[in-house]
Amino acid sequence: MRRLSSASLLAGLAGLYAWPAHAGGPDFGYVYTSETEEPGETEVALWATDRRGKGQGHYRAQDYRLEVERGITDRFQVSAYANFESHHVRGVGGEFERVNRDLAFSGVSAEFKYRVLDPAHDRFGLALYAEPGWSRIAKVSGEKAREYELELKAIAQKNFLSDRLVWAANLTLEPEWEREHEEGVPGLVEGATEKELGLEVASGITYRLASNWWFGAEARYHAVYPDWTHGLHRENYAVYAGPSIHFAADEWSVTATYLPQLFGAPNAGRSSLEFDDHEKRELRLKISHEF
């Protein structure tokens, strides 16, 4: 695939539409809410996530997702994603190799979401979510890889103050299988499958200050368990928290979230952060349009 600049992709996708001046429910950058699309309604969204900083050297990575979401029933929706990655890594050390790759296609995934309880009519909202995916680029290291994953979420939501204040929380399990090819004896390539489990607990709260504006905060705990089929032994974890803002007008909406890493383990030196599977900070922007 021909290499493209990150700025070119953003400009091209944003330029598909002219920006008009749907004040619906709130959205978060990382935390999912229990709401689903109306039957027959379609949403197209561009997700852009910038991840930066390791313990040493230079680390800069961007994740892009182009999503098409469709409401099937008043409780069930499906989505399809095309995923892209950009990595610039040097001098990080450890298992990180030097990578200098501009934007490249990384894989595809699909989403299935079913709302069990509606926060507008029940005591709280509850939804179940599954996202199978395939990737050809490792998200953290940026090296070529063949990965299969299944992301499973339980999504809870509670509305307060006549729906002006919204709290949501997610519990996510993400088993992942990575197919590796190693050369043991010269000329003989052996295949091996590396298994890893990601566990995440995320929560967000947001308040509608004006008809189109929501301001809030999000927090995430993310942990990695290697070779999880032989017992759960946590390898590392990191905790993030930061502000989130959401704007919606007519059929357009924009969400931005900034999450610095607060602490993690194991850590090295004087730092209290974890850098093997996590970065110093993440910044996510999501632009959506409904049809």
Protein backbone atom coordinates (compact mmCIF):
# COMPACT_ATOMS: atom_id res chain seq x y z
CA MET A 1 0.00 0.00 0.00
CA ARG A 2 1.30 3.44 -0.88
CA ARG A 3 2.44 5.36 2.17
CA LEU A 4 0.25 8.30 3.15
CA SER A 5 0.72 11.06 5.69
CA SER A 6 -1.57 11.18 8.73
CA ALA A 7 -2.53 14.75 7.96
CA SER A 8 -3.52 13.85 4.40
CA LEU A 9 -5.91 11.13 5.58
CA LEU A 10 -7.57 13.39 8.13
CA ALA A 11 -7.94 16.22 5.65
CA GLY A 12 -9.32 13.95 2.97
CA LEU A 13 -11.93 12.27 5.16
CA ALA A 14 -12.98 15.49 6.83
CA GLY A 15 -13.33 17.11 3.42
CA LEU A 16 -15.95 14.62 2.29
CA TYR A 17 -18.60 16.84 3.85
CA ALA A 18 -19.11 20.52 4.39
CA TRP A 19 -19.43 21.25 8.12
CA PRO A 20 -22.94 22.46 9.08
CA ALA A 21 -23.67 24.43 12.23
CA HIS A 22 -28.77 16.35 16.80
CA ALA A 23 -28.07 17.30 20.10
CA GLY A 24 -28.41 13.72 21.23
CA GLY A 25 -26.88 11.90 24.18
CA PRO A 26 -23.25 12.25 25.23
CA ASP A 27 -20.28 10.36 23.86
CA PHE A 28 -16.88 9.55 25.35
CA GLY A 29 -13.53 8.98 23.72
CA TYR A 30 -12.83 5.63 25.37
CA VAL A 31 -15.86 4.68 27.49
CA TYR A 32 -18.86 3.19 25.64
CA THR A 33 -22.45 4.04 26.58
CA SER A 34 -25.34 1.56 26.47
CA GLU A 35 -27.29 3.45 23.80
CA THR A 36 -27.69 2.03 20.28
CA GLU A 37 -28.57 3.50 16.90
CA GLU A 38 -32.21 3.70 15.85
CA PRO A 39 -33.39 1.03 13.35
CA GLY A 40 -32.32 2.01 9.84
CA GLU A 41 -30.05 4.82 11.09
CA THR A 42 -26.41 4.87 9.91
CA GLU A 43 -23.43 6.66 11.42
CA VAL A 44 -20.01 7.13 9.84
CA ALA A 45 -17.16 7.99 12.20
CA LEU A 46 -13.43 8.66 12.02
CA TRP A 47 -11.43 7.77 15.14
CA ALA A 48 -7.90 9.20 15.48
CA THR A 49 -5.74 8.30 18.50
CA ASP A 50 -2.25 9.72 19.12
CA ARG A 51 -0.05 7.75 21.54
CA ARG A 52 3.33 9.12 22.66
CA GLY A 53 6.17 8.55 25.05
CA LYS A 54 8.13 5.64 26.51
CA GLY A 55 10.79 5.56 29.20
CA GLN A 56 13.51 6.58 26.74
CA GLY A 57 14.08 7.24 23.06
CA HIS A 58 11.40 8.40 20.64
CA TYR A 59 7.95 6.79 20.44
CA ARG A 60 5.06 8.19 18.40
CA ALA A 61 2.14 6.11 17.15
CA GLN A 62 -1.25 6.92 15.64
CA ASP A 63 -4.28 4.67 15.33
CA TYR A 64 -7.05 5.49 12.82
CA ARG A 65 -10.41 3.75 12.49
CA LEU A 66 -13.02 4.39 9.84
CA GLU A 67 -16.34 3.09 11.18
CA VAL A 68 -19.73 2.49 9.59
CA GLU A 69 -22.44 1.81 12.19
CA ARG A 70 -26.01 0.65 11.48
CA GLY A 71 -29.04 0.25 13.73
CA ILE A 72 -30.79 -3.07 13.03
CA THR A 73 -33.51 -3.04 15.71
CA ASP A 74 -34.29 -0.69 18.58
CA ARG A 75 -31.85 -2.74 20.69
CA PHE A 76 -29.26 -4.14 18.29
CA GLN A 77 -26.62 -2.47 16.11
CA VAL A 78 -23.67 -3.64 13.99
CA SER A 79 -20.54 -1.85 12.83
CA ALA A 80 -17.59 -2.46 10.51
CA TYR A 81 -14.13 -0.90 10.91
CA ALA A 82 -11.16 -0.37 8.61
CA ASN A 83 -8.06 0.21 10.75
CA PHE A 84 -4.82 2.04 9.98
CA GLU A 85 -1.59 2.54 11.95
CA SER A 86 1.44 4.84 11.93
CA HIS A 87 4.59 4.19 14.01
CA HIS A 88 7.85 6.07 14.51
CA VAL A 89 10.00 4.24 17.06
CA ARG A 90 13.72 4.60 17.76
CA GLY A 91 16.02 4.27 20.74
CA VAL A 92 13.31 2.86 23.02
CA GLY A 93 15.29 -0.26 23.94
CA GLY A 94 14.06 -3.56 25.29
CA GLU A 95 12.08 -5.57 22.75
CA PHE A 96 11.31 -2.49 20.62
CA GLU A 97 12.93 -2.46 17.20
CA ARG A 98 13.41 0.67 15.11
CA VAL A 99 10.23 1.33 13.08
CA ASN A 100 9.61 4.22 10.70
CA ARG A 101 6.24 3.70 9.03
CA ASP A 102 3.79 6.32 7.87
CA LEU A 103 0.13 5.49 7.56
CA ALA A 104 -0.58 1.89 6.51
CA PHE A 105 -3.59 -0.40 6.48
CA SER A 106 -3.46 -2.58 9.62
CA GLY A 107 -6.62 -4.67 9.66
CA VAL A 108 -10.40 -4.94 9.96
CA SER A 109 -12.89 -5.58 12.74
CA ALA A 110 -16.63 -5.81 13.31
CA GLU A 111 -18.85 -4.79 16.22
CA PHE A 112 -22.08 -6.28 17.59
CA LYS A 113 -23.89 -4.42 20.36
CA TYR A 114 -27.12 -5.39 22.11
CA ARG A 115 -28.90 -3.14 24.61
CA VAL A 116 -30.46 -5.15 27.42
CA LEU A 117 -31.76 -2.20 29.47
CA ASP A 118 -32.53 1.36 28.38
CA PRO A 119 -31.24 4.13 30.72
CA ALA A 120 -34.13 6.38 29.66
CA HIS A 121 -36.83 3.93 30.81
CA ASP A 122 -35.16 1.50 33.24
CA ARG A 123 -33.26 2.17 36.46
CA PHE A 124 -30.00 2.00 34.50
CA GLY A 125 -28.72 1.06 31.07
CA LEU A 126 -26.97 -2.21 30.24
CA ALA A 127 -25.50 -3.41 26.95
CA LEU A 128 -23.37 -6.34 25.78
CA TYR A 129 -20.72 -5.88 23.10
CA ALA A 130 -18.49 -8.15 21.00
CA GLU A 131 -15.81 -7.09 18.49
CA PRO A 132 -13.80 -9.72 16.58
CA GLY A 133 -10.81 -8.37 14.68
CA TRP A 134 -7.74 -9.17 12.60
CA SER A 135 -4.55 -7.12 12.40
CA ARG A 136 -1.32 -7.26 10.39
CA ILE A 137 0.59 -4.71 12.53
CA ALA A 138 1.28 -4.98 16.27
CA LYS A 139 -0.36 -1.99 17.96
CA VAL A 140 2.38 -1.27 20.53
CA SER A 141 5.63 -2.27 18.81
CA GLY A 142 4.59 -1.36 15.25
CA GLU A 143 6.20 -4.50 13.86
CA LYS A 144 4.56 -6.73 11.30
CA ALA A 145 2.42 -9.39 12.95
CA ARG A 146 -0.64 -11.53 12.34
CA GLU A 147 -3.02 -11.06 15.25
CA TYR A 148 -6.56 -12.20 15.96
CA GLU A 149 -8.54 -10.76 18.86
CA LEU A 150 -11.99 -10.76 20.40
CA GLU A 151 -13.04 -7.77 22.48
CA LEU A 152 -15.92 -8.42 24.88
CA LYS A 153 -17.59 -5.64 26.89
CA ALA A 154 -20.24 -5.26 29.55
CA ILE A 155 -21.51 -1.66 29.41
CA ALA A 156 -23.41 0.05 32.24
CA GLN A 157 -24.95 3.54 32.19
CA LYS A 158 -26.86 5.68 34.67
CA ASN A 159 -28.50 9.05 33.93
CA PHE A 160 -29.14 11.73 36.56
CA LEU A 161 -30.66 15.23 36.76
CA SER A 162 -33.15 14.68 33.92
CA ASP A 163 -30.41 13.17 31.73
CA ARG A 164 -28.07 16.18 32.11
CA LEU A 165 -25.53 14.13 34.08
CA VAL A 166 -24.47 10.76 32.62
CA TRP A 167 -22.20 8.10 34.13
CA ALA A 168 -20.98 5.05 32.21
CA ALA A 169 -18.64 2.16 32.99
CA ASN A 170 -17.17 -0.70 30.95
CA LEU A 171 -15.64 -4.04 31.84
CA THR A 172 -13.60 -5.36 28.89
CA LEU A 173 -11.92 -8.71 28.25
CA GLU A 174 -9.74 -8.88 25.16
CA PRO A 175 -8.14 -12.26 24.38
CA GLU A 176 -5.57 -12.05 21.59
CA TRP A 177 -3.74 -14.65 19.52
CA GLU A 178 -0.55 -13.68 17.64
CA ARG A 179 0.91 -16.03 15.08
CA GLU A 180 4.71 -15.97 15.05
CA HIS A 181 7.23 -17.61 12.72
CA GLU A 182 10.65 -18.38 14.22
CA GLU A 183 13.69 -19.94 12.60
CA GLY A 184 15.14 -22.49 15.02
CA VAL A 185 17.38 -24.69 12.90
CA PRO A 186 18.76 -22.75 9.88
CA GLY A 187 16.36 -23.20 6.99
CA LEU A 188 13.58 -24.58 9.20
CA VAL A 189 10.82 -22.11 10.13
CA GLU A 190 8.56 -23.10 13.00
CA GLY A 191 5.19 -21.56 13.78
CA ALA A 192 4.03 -20.64 17.27
CA THR A 193 0.97 -18.89 18.65
CA GLU A 194 1.43 -16.40 21.46
CA LYS A 195 -1.66 -15.79 23.62
CA GLU A 196 -2.34 -12.63 25.61
CA LEU A 197 -5.33 -11.33 27.58
CA GLY A 198 -6.12 -7.67 28.08
CA LEU A 199 -8.35 -6.66 31.00
CA GLU A 200 -9.74 -3.14 31.21
CA VAL A 201 -12.05 -1.33 33.61
CA ALA A 202 -13.08 2.13 32.36
CA SER A 203 -15.47 4.76 33.64
CA GLY A 204 -16.58 8.22 32.60
CA ILE A 205 -18.89 10.95 33.81
CA THR A 206 -20.09 13.95 31.83
CA TYR A 207 -22.43 16.92 32.32
CA ARG A 208 -24.37 18.90 29.71
CA LEU A 209 -23.53 22.57 30.29
CA ALA A 210 -25.35 23.76 27.17
CA SER A 211 -27.72 22.20 24.61
CA ASN A 212 -24.82 21.01 22.42
CA TRP A 213 -21.90 20.78 24.87
CA TRP A 214 -20.92 18.04 27.33
CA PHE A 215 -17.88 18.28 29.64
CA GLY A 216 -16.56 15.40 31.74
CA ALA A 217 -13.72 13.06 32.62
CA GLU A 218 -12.68 9.49 31.87
CA ALA A 219 -10.45 6.95 33.64
CA ARG A 220 -9.03 3.59 32.54
CA TYR A 221 -7.27 0.69 34.22
CA HIS A 222 -5.62 -1.65 31.71
CA ALA A 223 -3.71 -4.85 32.54
CA VAL A 224 -1.97 -7.52 30.43
CA TYR A 225 -1.97 -11.26 31.21
CA PRO A 226 0.37 -13.36 29.02
CA ASP A 227 -0.32 -17.02 28.20
CA TRP A 228 -3.69 -16.69 29.93
CA THR A 229 -4.90 -20.19 29.06
CA HIS A 230 -2.39 -21.57 31.59
CA GLY A 231 -3.43 -19.32 34.46
CA LEU A 232 -3.88 -15.61 35.09
CA HIS A 233 -0.59 -13.93 36.01
CA ARG A 234 -0.58 -10.19 35.51
CA GLU A 235 2.48 -8.96 33.61
CA ASN A 236 1.83 -5.22 33.86
CA TYR A 237 -0.85 -2.57 34.27
CA ALA A 238 -1.38 1.17 33.83
CA VAL A 239 -3.95 3.70 35.05
CA TYR A 240 -5.02 6.70 32.92
CA ALA A 241 -7.37 9.61 33.65
CA GLY A 242 -8.16 12.93 32.01
CA PRO A 243 -10.76 15.34 30.62
CA SER A 244 -13.30 14.69 27.87
CA ILE A 245 -15.44 17.07 25.80
CA HIS A 246 -18.33 16.31 23.41
CA PHE A 247 -20.13 18.59 20.94
CA ALA A 248 -23.18 17.64 18.85
CA ALA A 249 -25.10 19.73 16.31
CA ASP A 250 -27.59 18.48 13.71
CA GLU A 251 -26.17 15.19 12.38
CA TRP A 252 -22.54 15.97 13.35
CA SER A 253 -20.67 15.34 16.59
CA VAL A 254 -17.08 15.70 17.81
CA THR A 255 -15.54 14.08 20.87
CA ALA A 256 -12.03 14.71 22.26
CA THR A 257 -10.37 12.98 25.23
CA TYR A 258 -6.89 13.45 26.70
CA LEU A 259 -5.58 10.65 28.94
CA PRO A 260 -2.12 10.86 30.57
CA GLN A 261 -0.82 7.80 32.38
CA LEU A 262 -0.96 8.44 36.14
CA PHE A 263 0.90 5.34 37.33
CA GLY A 264 1.63 1.75 36.42
CA ALA A 265 3.79 -1.27 37.19
CA PRO A 266 6.31 -2.69 36.83
CA ASN A 267 8.35 0.46 36.37
CA ALA A 268 12.02 1.20 36.08
CA GLY A 269 14.25 3.86 37.55
CA ARG A 270 12.57 6.84 39.12
CA SER A 271 9.48 6.65 36.93
CA SER A 272 6.14 5.47 38.32
CA LEU A 273 4.85 4.61 34.82
CA GLU A 274 4.70 1.35 32.84
CA PHE A 275 6.16 1.47 29.32
CA ASP A 276 6.23 -2.07 27.88
CA ASP A 277 2.58 -2.09 26.79
CA HIS A 278 1.53 1.49 27.62
CA GLU A 279 2.49 5.03 26.66
CA LYS A 280 2.91 8.23 28.66
CA ARG A 281 -0.25 9.75 27.23
CA GLU A 282 -3.04 9.26 24.69
CA LEU A 283 -5.14 11.82 22.83
CA ARG A 284 -8.25 10.71 20.93
CA LEU A 285 -10.47 12.62 18.51
CA LYS A 286 -13.72 11.19 17.09
CA ILE A 287 -15.77 12.87 14.33
CA SER A 288 -19.17 11.37 13.51
CA HIS A 289 -21.96 12.00 11.01
CA GLU A 290 -25.42 10.39 11.08
CA PHE A 291 -27.59 9.64 8.04
